[in-house]
């Protein structure tokens, strides 16, 4: 099918993207347009990405219907656009070929000799963003596709002129098995996306197959300190490059300390000190993200100076502990964490930031994840001083498991279930005081609460 897709990726061909407002899909739209294709698209939600595409001259329809296809030559769909989507049904009825988003990225990757793909249950966006900063600092002019907006790019993508591409690789629906990595980075492997995968063993096998895509002259880079990633490495009959802070790491972090929550450490490689690193982002998890980002750069010959400088000025990707403003002396932050394994390092980091109270506004993401990881969520959500739960963000799902945020409230104890964003803002306005950190958390649209609160601050 990929060979069939390649013949369409030429100037003048008309492509219609179903679900064009997603981070990866909007980036794909821009990359394809840069190749001379004529792009249209549709999405059920008009967000920032859609507005940006429209401002750039791309026609984007709100809602999905057969007539949106126009006279397109082929369709690319996001993983969330299922076979019963009206545009997918119409395209197939008319004989218009339908391709997956990941297939399109896979074909594009074939044009690059160095394709660095960052995978893992957590940390993909941050580590790929850090790596982007490194390669820009080294004047390597990479093409980039990541899952969040990087301030230095002003978006989540970049079209470079070199032979290097840096991409975020997601395991959901085995999407990353369509990619063509020459360097595969596996940050960590935990249970997630259990609406698709059977269990953790099924997830590990998916990562194993991803690693097997790397050619013999490429690199599989694995977090040696993560049990899941190490388990995948043990399944491979090929050499792997391990990074981490433990013995046995090829690219090894040492002397880790936190200064005001920010990691400071040394990278050792080939038996000697390679670089002294001082990060501008907080949390031990970001020390691991930095090692993940530095590892492919080191193997491809990027200088220690470029790596040190890039990591020192990296301030994070959007929605990764992002400062949003202040209200009544309380600092407002937002974070994308939507898995217990992400909530733990986030709350660890916030706890090290010397605030008197942590007020967390959490919006669970998908019914299946909330149900499957319910007890793990309860453990983490008991940690903030004040917890407000918004209703579960459905994303691609229907609530066939019969779960609500109110179920979490019953188990957490002392939490508040407030389904209305306006009511949440009202509660925060009454509660916020100097010394507090208010953090909106989740992969849905909960960030709007922080923005609404910040807008009500007195200038």
Protein backbone atom coordinates (compact mmCIF):
# COMPACT_ATOMS: atom_id res chain seq x y z
CA UNK A 1 0.00 0.00 0.00
CA UNK A 2 2.91 2.34 0.74
CA UNK A 3 4.12 1.93 -2.85
CA UNK A 4 0.63 2.87 -3.98
CA UNK A 5 0.74 5.95 -1.80
CA UNK A 6 4.13 7.10 -3.09
CA UNK A 7 2.80 7.67 -6.59
CA UNK A 8 0.33 10.22 -5.19
CA UNK A 9 2.94 12.26 -3.30
CA UNK A 10 3.79 14.57 -6.17
CA UNK A 11 3.13 18.18 -7.06
CA UNK A 12 -0.41 18.96 -8.17
CA UNK A 13 -2.05 15.88 -6.65
CA UNK A 14 -5.10 16.63 -4.49
CA UNK A 15 -5.12 15.16 -0.98
CA UNK A 16 -7.97 15.27 1.53
CA UNK A 17 -7.02 14.75 5.20
CA UNK A 18 -9.72 13.42 7.53
CA UNK A 19 -9.02 14.66 11.06
CA UNK A 20 -6.66 17.36 9.84
CA UNK A 21 -6.72 19.25 13.16
CA UNK A 22 -4.60 16.73 15.04
CA UNK A 23 -0.99 17.58 15.79
CA UNK A 24 0.49 14.99 13.46
CA UNK A 25 -2.15 15.47 10.76
CA UNK A 26 -1.78 19.25 10.65
CA UNK A 27 1.98 18.82 10.36
CA UNK A 28 1.45 16.30 7.56
CA UNK A 29 -0.78 18.79 5.76
CA UNK A 30 1.96 21.40 5.81
CA UNK A 31 4.66 18.95 4.72
CA UNK A 32 2.55 17.67 1.82
CA UNK A 33 1.72 21.20 0.76
CA UNK A 34 5.43 21.95 0.84
CA UNK A 35 5.84 19.16 -1.71
CA UNK A 36 3.38 20.89 -4.00
CA UNK A 37 0.23 18.90 -3.25
CA UNK A 38 -3.17 20.61 -3.06
CA UNK A 39 -4.56 20.03 0.43
CA UNK A 40 -8.07 20.06 1.87
CA UNK A 41 -9.21 18.59 5.14
CA UNK A 42 -11.94 18.21 7.71
CA UNK A 43 -12.28 17.96 11.46
CA UNK A 44 -15.09 17.85 13.97
CA UNK A 45 -13.40 20.48 16.13
CA UNK A 46 -12.00 23.84 15.03
CA UNK A 47 -8.94 24.33 17.21
CA UNK A 48 -5.71 26.28 16.93
CA UNK A 49 -4.25 23.92 14.32
CA UNK A 50 -7.28 24.27 12.07
CA UNK A 51 -7.25 28.04 12.41
CA UNK A 52 -3.54 28.08 11.55
CA UNK A 53 -4.09 25.91 8.47
CA UNK A 54 -6.96 28.10 7.31
CA UNK A 55 -4.86 31.22 7.82
CA UNK A 56 -2.24 29.60 5.60
CA UNK A 57 -4.73 29.07 2.80
CA UNK A 58 -5.73 25.43 3.33
CA UNK A 59 -9.46 24.70 3.08
CA UNK A 60 -10.66 22.93 6.22
CA UNK A 61 -14.29 21.88 6.66
CA UNK A 62 -15.91 21.77 10.09
CA UNK A 63 -17.68 18.44 10.38
CA UNK A 64 -17.34 15.47 8.09
CA UNK A 65 -19.51 14.77 5.07
CA UNK A 66 -19.22 13.18 1.63
CA UNK A 67 -19.23 16.51 -0.21
CA UNK A 68 -16.05 17.57 1.60
CA UNK A 69 -14.05 15.17 -0.56
CA UNK A 70 -14.49 17.32 -3.66
CA UNK A 71 -12.39 15.95 -6.52
CA UNK A 72 -9.51 14.72 -4.36
CA UNK A 73 -7.16 12.05 -5.69
CA UNK A 74 -6.61 10.29 -2.37
CA UNK A 75 -7.52 10.46 1.32
CA UNK A 76 -5.34 10.26 4.42
CA UNK A 77 -7.08 9.60 7.72
CA UNK A 78 -6.12 9.89 11.35
CA UNK A 79 -6.29 6.77 13.52
CA UNK A 80 -9.43 8.18 15.16
CA UNK A 81 -11.34 8.21 11.82
CA UNK A 82 -12.88 4.75 11.72
CA UNK A 83 -14.36 2.85 8.79
CA UNK A 84 -17.86 4.19 9.50
CA UNK A 85 -16.73 7.81 9.13
CA UNK A 86 -18.90 9.36 6.38
CA UNK A 87 -15.90 10.61 4.41
CA UNK A 88 -14.15 7.23 4.57
CA UNK A 89 -17.34 5.47 3.46
CA UNK A 90 -17.80 7.94 0.61
CA UNK A 91 -14.19 7.70 -0.55
CA UNK A 92 -14.32 3.92 -0.74
CA UNK A 93 -17.67 3.99 -2.51
CA UNK A 94 -16.15 6.30 -5.13
CA UNK A 95 -12.97 4.24 -5.48
CA UNK A 96 -10.75 6.93 -3.93
CA UNK A 97 -7.77 5.31 -2.17
CA UNK A 98 -7.67 5.76 1.61
CA UNK A 99 -4.33 5.71 3.44
CA UNK A 100 -3.40 5.93 7.11
CA UNK A 101 -1.58 8.94 8.53
CA UNK A 102 1.28 6.73 9.69
CA UNK A 103 1.64 5.28 6.19
CA UNK A 104 2.08 8.77 4.78
CA UNK A 105 4.77 9.60 7.31
CA UNK A 106 6.45 6.27 6.60
CA UNK A 107 6.72 7.04 2.89
CA UNK A 108 8.07 10.52 3.64
CA UNK A 109 10.69 9.00 5.96
CA UNK A 110 12.04 6.86 3.13
CA UNK A 111 13.52 10.04 1.63
CA UNK A 112 15.88 10.56 4.61
CA UNK A 113 19.07 8.68 5.47
CA UNK A 114 18.86 9.49 9.22
CA UNK A 115 15.38 8.98 10.68
CA UNK A 116 15.34 9.33 14.47
CA UNK A 117 12.05 8.07 15.95
CA UNK A 118 11.23 8.60 19.63
CA UNK A 119 8.83 6.08 21.12
CA UNK A 120 7.58 5.12 24.57
CA UNK A 121 4.55 5.35 26.79
CA UNK A 122 5.77 8.72 28.11
CA UNK A 123 8.24 11.42 27.17
CA UNK A 124 8.03 11.17 23.38
CA UNK A 125 7.19 14.80 22.76
CA UNK A 126 9.69 16.22 25.23
CA UNK A 127 12.60 14.00 24.18
CA UNK A 128 11.97 14.55 20.46
CA UNK A 129 11.67 18.29 21.13
CA UNK A 130 14.96 18.31 23.02
CA UNK A 131 16.59 16.39 20.18
CA UNK A 132 15.22 18.93 17.71
CA UNK A 133 16.77 21.73 19.77
CA UNK A 134 20.10 19.86 19.72
CA UNK A 135 20.14 19.35 15.95
CA UNK A 136 19.14 22.97 15.35
CA UNK A 137 21.93 24.10 17.69
CA UNK A 138 24.36 21.95 15.69
CA UNK A 139 23.13 23.47 12.38
CA UNK A 140 22.03 20.03 11.15
CA UNK A 141 18.84 21.50 9.58
CA UNK A 142 16.47 18.60 10.44
CA UNK A 143 12.97 17.90 9.23
CA UNK A 144 10.78 17.50 12.33
CA UNK A 145 7.42 15.96 13.24
CA UNK A 146 6.59 16.00 16.95
CA UNK A 147 3.43 15.73 19.01
CA UNK A 148 3.40 19.22 20.48
CA UNK A 149 4.20 22.80 19.67
CA UNK A 150 7.88 23.60 20.19
CA UNK A 151 8.41 27.33 20.84
CA UNK A 152 11.63 27.48 18.80
CA UNK A 153 9.64 26.23 15.79
CA UNK A 154 6.32 27.92 16.50
CA UNK A 155 4.68 24.58 15.62
CA UNK A 156 5.21 20.84 15.86
CA UNK A 157 6.89 20.43 12.52
CA UNK A 158 9.71 21.74 10.38
CA UNK A 159 10.85 21.04 6.83
CA UNK A 160 14.64 21.01 6.63
CA UNK A 161 17.06 20.41 3.78
CA UNK A 162 19.37 17.85 5.41
CA UNK A 163 19.24 14.05 5.46
CA UNK A 164 17.98 13.98 9.06
CA UNK A 165 14.38 13.64 10.22
CA UNK A 166 13.28 13.65 13.87
CA UNK A 167 9.85 12.18 14.57
CA UNK A 168 7.61 11.17 17.42
CA UNK A 169 6.46 7.56 17.01
CA UNK A 170 3.22 6.49 18.70
CA UNK A 171 2.38 2.85 19.37
CA UNK A 172 -1.42 3.31 19.34
CA UNK A 173 -2.98 1.04 16.69
CA UNK A 174 0.59 -0.04 15.89
CA UNK A 175 0.95 3.21 13.96
CA UNK A 176 4.72 3.34 14.36
CA UNK A 177 5.09 0.03 12.54
CA UNK A 178 4.54 2.02 9.33
CA UNK A 179 7.61 4.15 10.04
CA UNK A 180 11.13 3.71 8.68
CA UNK A 181 13.49 4.47 11.58
CA UNK A 182 17.23 4.26 11.22
CA UNK A 183 17.46 5.13 14.92
CA UNK A 184 14.67 3.96 17.24
CA UNK A 185 14.59 5.38 20.77
CA UNK A 186 12.44 3.57 23.36
CA UNK A 187 11.95 5.76 26.44
CA UNK A 188 9.77 3.43 28.51
CA UNK A 189 7.06 0.80 28.10
CA UNK A 190 3.99 0.59 30.36
CA UNK A 191 0.34 -0.43 30.06
CA UNK A 192 -1.67 2.06 28.00
CA UNK A 193 -4.06 2.14 25.04
CA UNK A 194 -5.78 -0.98 26.33
CA UNK A 195 -8.71 -0.24 24.05
CA UNK A 196 -6.39 -1.56 21.31
CA UNK A 197 -3.72 -3.72 22.97
CA UNK A 198 -4.67 -6.91 24.82
CA UNK A 199 -2.22 -6.43 27.69
CA UNK A 200 1.31 -5.32 28.55
CA UNK A 201 2.86 -8.28 26.73
CA UNK A 202 1.03 -7.25 23.57
CA UNK A 203 2.39 -3.71 23.99
CA UNK A 204 5.94 -5.01 24.46
CA UNK A 205 5.65 -7.09 21.31
CA UNK A 206 4.58 -3.99 19.39
CA UNK A 207 7.71 -2.17 20.55
CA UNK A 208 9.79 -5.24 19.64
CA UNK A 209 8.43 -5.13 16.09
CA UNK A 210 9.14 -1.39 15.98
CA UNK A 211 12.78 -1.97 16.97
CA UNK A 212 13.09 -4.64 14.28
CA UNK A 213 12.36 -1.99 11.63
CA UNK A 214 15.81 -0.50 12.24
CA UNK A 215 18.39 -1.65 9.65
CA UNK A 216 21.56 -3.43 10.76
CA UNK A 217 23.60 -0.24 10.33
CA UNK A 218 21.19 1.75 12.51
CA UNK A 219 20.74 2.01 16.28
CA UNK A 220 18.14 0.83 18.77
CA UNK A 221 18.46 3.08 21.83
CA UNK A 222 16.74 1.97 25.04
CA UNK A 223 16.27 3.42 28.52
CA UNK A 224 18.17 0.81 30.51
CA UNK A 225 16.65 2.05 33.78
CA UNK A 226 13.07 1.34 32.67
CA UNK A 227 11.86 -2.23 33.29
CA UNK A 228 9.48 -2.27 30.32
CA UNK A 229 11.99 -0.88 27.84
CA UNK A 230 14.68 -3.24 29.15
CA UNK A 231 12.28 -6.15 28.73
CA UNK A 232 11.80 -5.21 25.09
CA UNK A 233 15.57 -4.94 24.62
CA UNK A 234 15.97 -8.47 25.98
CA UNK A 235 13.58 -9.71 23.28
CA UNK A 236 15.79 -8.41 20.49
CA UNK A 237 18.46 -10.49 18.80
CA UNK A 238 20.54 -7.46 17.98
CA UNK A 239 22.78 -4.98 19.84
CA UNK A 240 21.11 -2.11 21.66
CA UNK A 241 22.53 1.13 23.04
CA UNK A 242 21.35 1.70 26.61
CA UNK A 243 21.13 5.10 28.28
CA UNK A 244 20.39 5.81 31.92
CA UNK A 245 21.90 6.47 35.33
CA UNK A 246 22.60 2.83 36.22
CA UNK A 247 25.60 0.62 35.55
CA UNK A 248 25.65 -0.92 32.10
CA UNK A 249 24.51 2.24 30.33
CA UNK A 250 26.52 3.05 27.21
CA UNK A 251 25.47 6.69 27.45
CA UNK A 252 25.47 7.22 31.19
CA UNK A 253 24.22 9.99 33.42
CA UNK A 254 26.08 10.58 36.68
CA UNK A 255 26.19 13.06 39.56
CA UNK A 256 22.50 14.00 39.26
CA UNK A 257 21.28 16.76 41.57
CA UNK A 258 18.25 19.05 41.46
CA UNK A 259 18.73 22.81 41.77
CA UNK A 260 15.36 24.46 42.34
CA UNK A 261 13.85 21.36 40.78
CA UNK A 262 16.06 21.53 37.68
CA UNK A 263 18.36 18.58 36.93
CA UNK A 264 22.12 19.07 36.78
CA UNK A 265 24.21 16.05 35.78
CA UNK A 266 27.11 14.75 33.71
CA UNK A 267 26.97 12.58 30.59
CA UNK A 268 29.68 9.95 30.29
CA UNK A 269 30.39 8.18 26.98
CA UNK A 270 33.14 5.77 25.96
CA UNK A 271 34.67 5.84 29.41
CA UNK A 272 35.03 9.59 29.81
CA UNK A 273 33.12 12.76 30.62
CA UNK A 274 31.26 13.88 27.50
CA UNK A 275 29.29 16.90 28.72
CA UNK A 276 28.08 18.68 31.85
CA UNK A 277 24.34 19.34 31.55
CA UNK A 278 22.24 21.96 33.34
CA UNK A 279 18.58 21.86 32.35
CA UNK A 280 16.08 24.72 32.42
CA UNK A 281 13.12 22.34 32.84
CA UNK A 282 12.21 20.66 36.11
CA UNK A 283 12.04 17.06 37.22
CA UNK A 284 14.15 13.91 37.25
CA UNK A 285 12.05 12.58 34.36
CA UNK A 286 13.47 15.39 32.23
CA UNK A 287 17.00 14.20 33.00
CA UNK A 288 15.97 10.93 31.34
CA UNK A 289 14.36 12.81 28.47
CA UNK A 290 17.60 14.73 28.01
CA UNK A 291 19.65 11.52 27.92
CA UNK A 292 17.23 10.08 25.37
CA UNK A 293 17.55 13.21 23.23
CA UNK A 294 21.32 13.37 23.49
CA UNK A 295 21.91 9.70 22.68
CA UNK A 296 21.19 9.76 18.92
CA UNK A 297 23.01 13.09 18.64
CA UNK A 298 26.10 11.60 20.28
CA UNK A 299 26.00 8.56 18.00
CA UNK A 300 25.69 10.80 14.93
CA UNK A 301 28.67 12.91 15.94
CA UNK A 302 27.01 16.07 17.27
CA UNK A 303 29.45 17.99 19.45
CA UNK A 304 29.25 18.12 23.23
CA UNK A 305 29.07 21.92 23.05
CA UNK A 306 25.98 21.83 20.81
CA UNK A 307 24.26 19.29 23.06
CA UNK A 308 25.10 21.19 26.25
CA UNK A 309 23.95 24.53 24.84
CA UNK A 310 20.73 23.18 23.36
CA UNK A 311 19.67 21.39 26.53
CA UNK A 312 20.48 24.41 28.68
CA UNK A 313 18.15 26.70 26.70
CA UNK A 314 15.34 24.18 26.18
CA UNK A 315 12.29 25.46 28.05
CA UNK A 316 9.81 22.75 27.13
CA UNK A 317 7.17 21.95 24.58
CA UNK A 318 3.66 23.34 24.86
CA UNK A 319 1.51 21.74 27.55
CA UNK A 320 4.51 20.27 29.36
CA UNK A 321 4.45 22.05 32.74
CA UNK A 322 3.78 25.25 30.82
CA UNK A 323 3.34 28.51 32.72
CA UNK A 324 0.03 30.15 31.77
CA UNK A 325 -0.27 33.15 34.10
CA UNK A 326 -1.23 34.18 37.63
CA UNK A 327 -4.42 34.77 39.56
CA UNK A 328 -4.55 36.37 43.01
CA UNK A 329 -0.89 35.51 43.60
CA UNK A 330 -1.25 31.87 42.53
CA UNK A 331 0.80 30.56 39.60
CA UNK A 332 -1.14 28.78 36.85
CA UNK A 333 0.47 25.91 34.92
CA UNK A 334 -0.77 23.37 32.41
CA UNK A 335 0.45 19.85 31.64
CA UNK A 336 -0.50 17.12 29.17
CA UNK A 337 -0.12 14.23 31.64
CA UNK A 338 -2.95 11.73 31.17
CA UNK A 339 -1.49 8.44 32.48
CA UNK A 340 -0.58 7.55 36.09
CA UNK A 341 3.01 7.08 34.95
CA UNK A 342 3.01 10.72 33.84
CA UNK A 343 1.11 12.07 36.84
CA UNK A 344 3.73 10.69 39.24
CA UNK A 345 6.77 12.58 37.85
CA UNK A 346 4.61 15.67 37.28
CA UNK A 347 3.46 15.74 40.91
CA UNK A 348 6.99 14.89 42.09
CA UNK A 349 8.27 17.88 40.15
CA UNK A 350 5.54 20.24 41.33
CA UNK A 351 6.18 19.08 44.88
CA UNK A 352 9.81 20.18 44.57
CA UNK A 353 8.88 23.70 43.44
CA UNK A 354 8.34 25.22 46.91
CA UNK A 355 4.63 26.07 46.65
CA UNK A 356 2.51 26.08 49.79
CA UNK A 357 -0.42 24.25 48.15
CA UNK A 358 -0.87 22.21 44.98
CA UNK A 359 -4.30 22.66 43.40
CA UNK A 360 -4.76 20.12 40.61
CA UNK A 361 -7.56 20.24 38.04
CA UNK A 362 -7.52 16.87 36.29
CA UNK A 363 -9.48 15.79 33.24
CA UNK A 364 -9.16 12.04 32.63
CA UNK A 365 -8.59 11.13 28.98
CA UNK A 366 -10.71 8.32 27.47
CA UNK A 367 -13.05 5.97 29.28
CA UNK A 368 -10.98 2.87 28.49
CA UNK A 369 -7.78 4.30 30.01
CA UNK A 370 -9.62 5.53 33.11
CA UNK A 371 -11.21 2.11 33.63
CA UNK A 372 -8.05 0.07 32.93
CA UNK A 373 -5.75 2.16 35.13
CA UNK A 374 -8.33 3.21 37.72
CA UNK A 375 -6.45 2.14 40.88
CA UNK A 376 -3.19 3.69 39.66
CA UNK A 377 -5.01 6.96 38.99
CA UNK A 378 -6.46 6.89 42.51
CA UNK A 379 -2.99 6.55 44.06
CA UNK A 380 -1.63 9.60 42.23
CA UNK A 381 -4.75 11.75 42.53
CA UNK A 382 -4.65 11.50 46.33
CA UNK A 383 -1.41 13.53 46.33
CA UNK A 384 -2.48 17.14 45.55
CA UNK A 385 -3.66 19.34 48.41
CA UNK A 386 -6.83 20.18 46.49
CA UNK A 387 -8.15 18.06 43.60
CA UNK A 388 -10.87 19.03 41.15
CA UNK A 389 -11.99 16.47 38.58
CA UNK A 390 -13.61 17.47 35.31
CA UNK A 391 -15.61 14.90 33.39
CA UNK A 392 -13.70 12.34 31.33
CA UNK A 393 -12.61 13.61 27.90
CA UNK A 394 -14.06 11.08 25.48
CA UNK A 395 -11.72 11.72 22.53
CA UNK A 396 -12.40 8.88 20.08
CA UNK A 397 -14.56 6.78 22.42
CA UNK A 398 -18.12 6.12 23.53
CA UNK A 399 -18.70 5.34 27.21
CA UNK A 400 -19.41 1.63 26.84
CA UNK A 401 -17.65 0.80 30.14
CA UNK A 402 -19.95 3.02 32.23
CA UNK A 403 -17.39 5.11 34.06
CA UNK A 404 -17.30 8.75 35.18
CA UNK A 405 -14.95 11.07 37.00
CA UNK A 406 -17.41 10.85 39.88
CA UNK A 407 -16.19 7.26 40.38
CA UNK A 408 -12.67 8.57 40.91
CA UNK A 409 -13.94 11.16 43.38
CA UNK A 410 -15.56 8.44 45.49
CA UNK A 411 -12.27 6.54 45.75
CA UNK A 412 -9.85 9.46 46.07
CA UNK A 413 -11.66 11.11 48.97
CA UNK A 414 -11.82 14.86 49.52
CA UNK A 415 -11.89 15.59 45.79
CA UNK A 416 -14.52 17.63 43.97
CA UNK A 417 -16.25 16.61 40.75
CA UNK A 418 -17.12 19.78 38.80
CA UNK A 419 -18.17 19.02 35.21
CA UNK A 420 -18.54 22.65 34.05
CA UNK A 421 -15.42 24.63 33.15
CA UNK A 422 -17.14 27.86 34.20
CA UNK A 423 -17.89 26.37 37.62
CA UNK A 424 -14.30 25.15 37.97
CA UNK A 425 -13.04 28.67 37.24
CA UNK A 426 -15.47 30.06 39.79
CA UNK A 427 -14.19 27.64 42.43
CA UNK A 428 -10.56 28.51 41.64
CA UNK A 429 -11.25 32.25 41.83
CA UNK A 430 -12.62 31.79 45.34
CA UNK A 431 -9.86 29.40 46.44
CA UNK A 432 -6.63 30.77 44.91
CA UNK A 433 -4.20 32.59 47.15
CA UNK A 434 -0.52 33.60 47.09
CA UNK A 435 1.84 30.63 47.34
CA UNK A 436 -0.46 28.26 45.46
CA UNK A 437 0.26 26.45 42.22
CA UNK A 438 -2.82 25.72 40.14
CA UNK A 439 -2.14 23.09 37.50
CA UNK A 440 -4.57 21.94 34.84
CA UNK A 441 -3.75 18.40 33.77
CA UNK A 442 -4.90 16.17 30.92
CA UNK A 443 -4.65 15.51 27.20
CA UNK A 444 -8.06 16.98 26.37
CA UNK A 445 -9.20 20.60 26.53
CA UNK A 446 -8.71 21.21 30.26
CA UNK A 447 -6.02 23.81 29.44
CA UNK A 448 -8.91 26.17 28.72
CA UNK A 449 -9.65 26.38 32.46
CA UNK A 450 -6.23 27.86 33.20
CA UNK A 451 -6.54 30.28 30.31
CA UNK A 452 -10.01 31.36 31.47
CA UNK A 453 -8.71 31.91 35.00
CA UNK A 454 -5.66 33.87 33.84
CA UNK A 455 -7.89 36.10 31.72
CA UNK A 456 -9.82 37.10 34.85
CA UNK A 457 -6.70 38.24 36.69
CA UNK A 458 -6.54 41.91 37.51
CA UNK A 459 -3.83 43.66 35.51
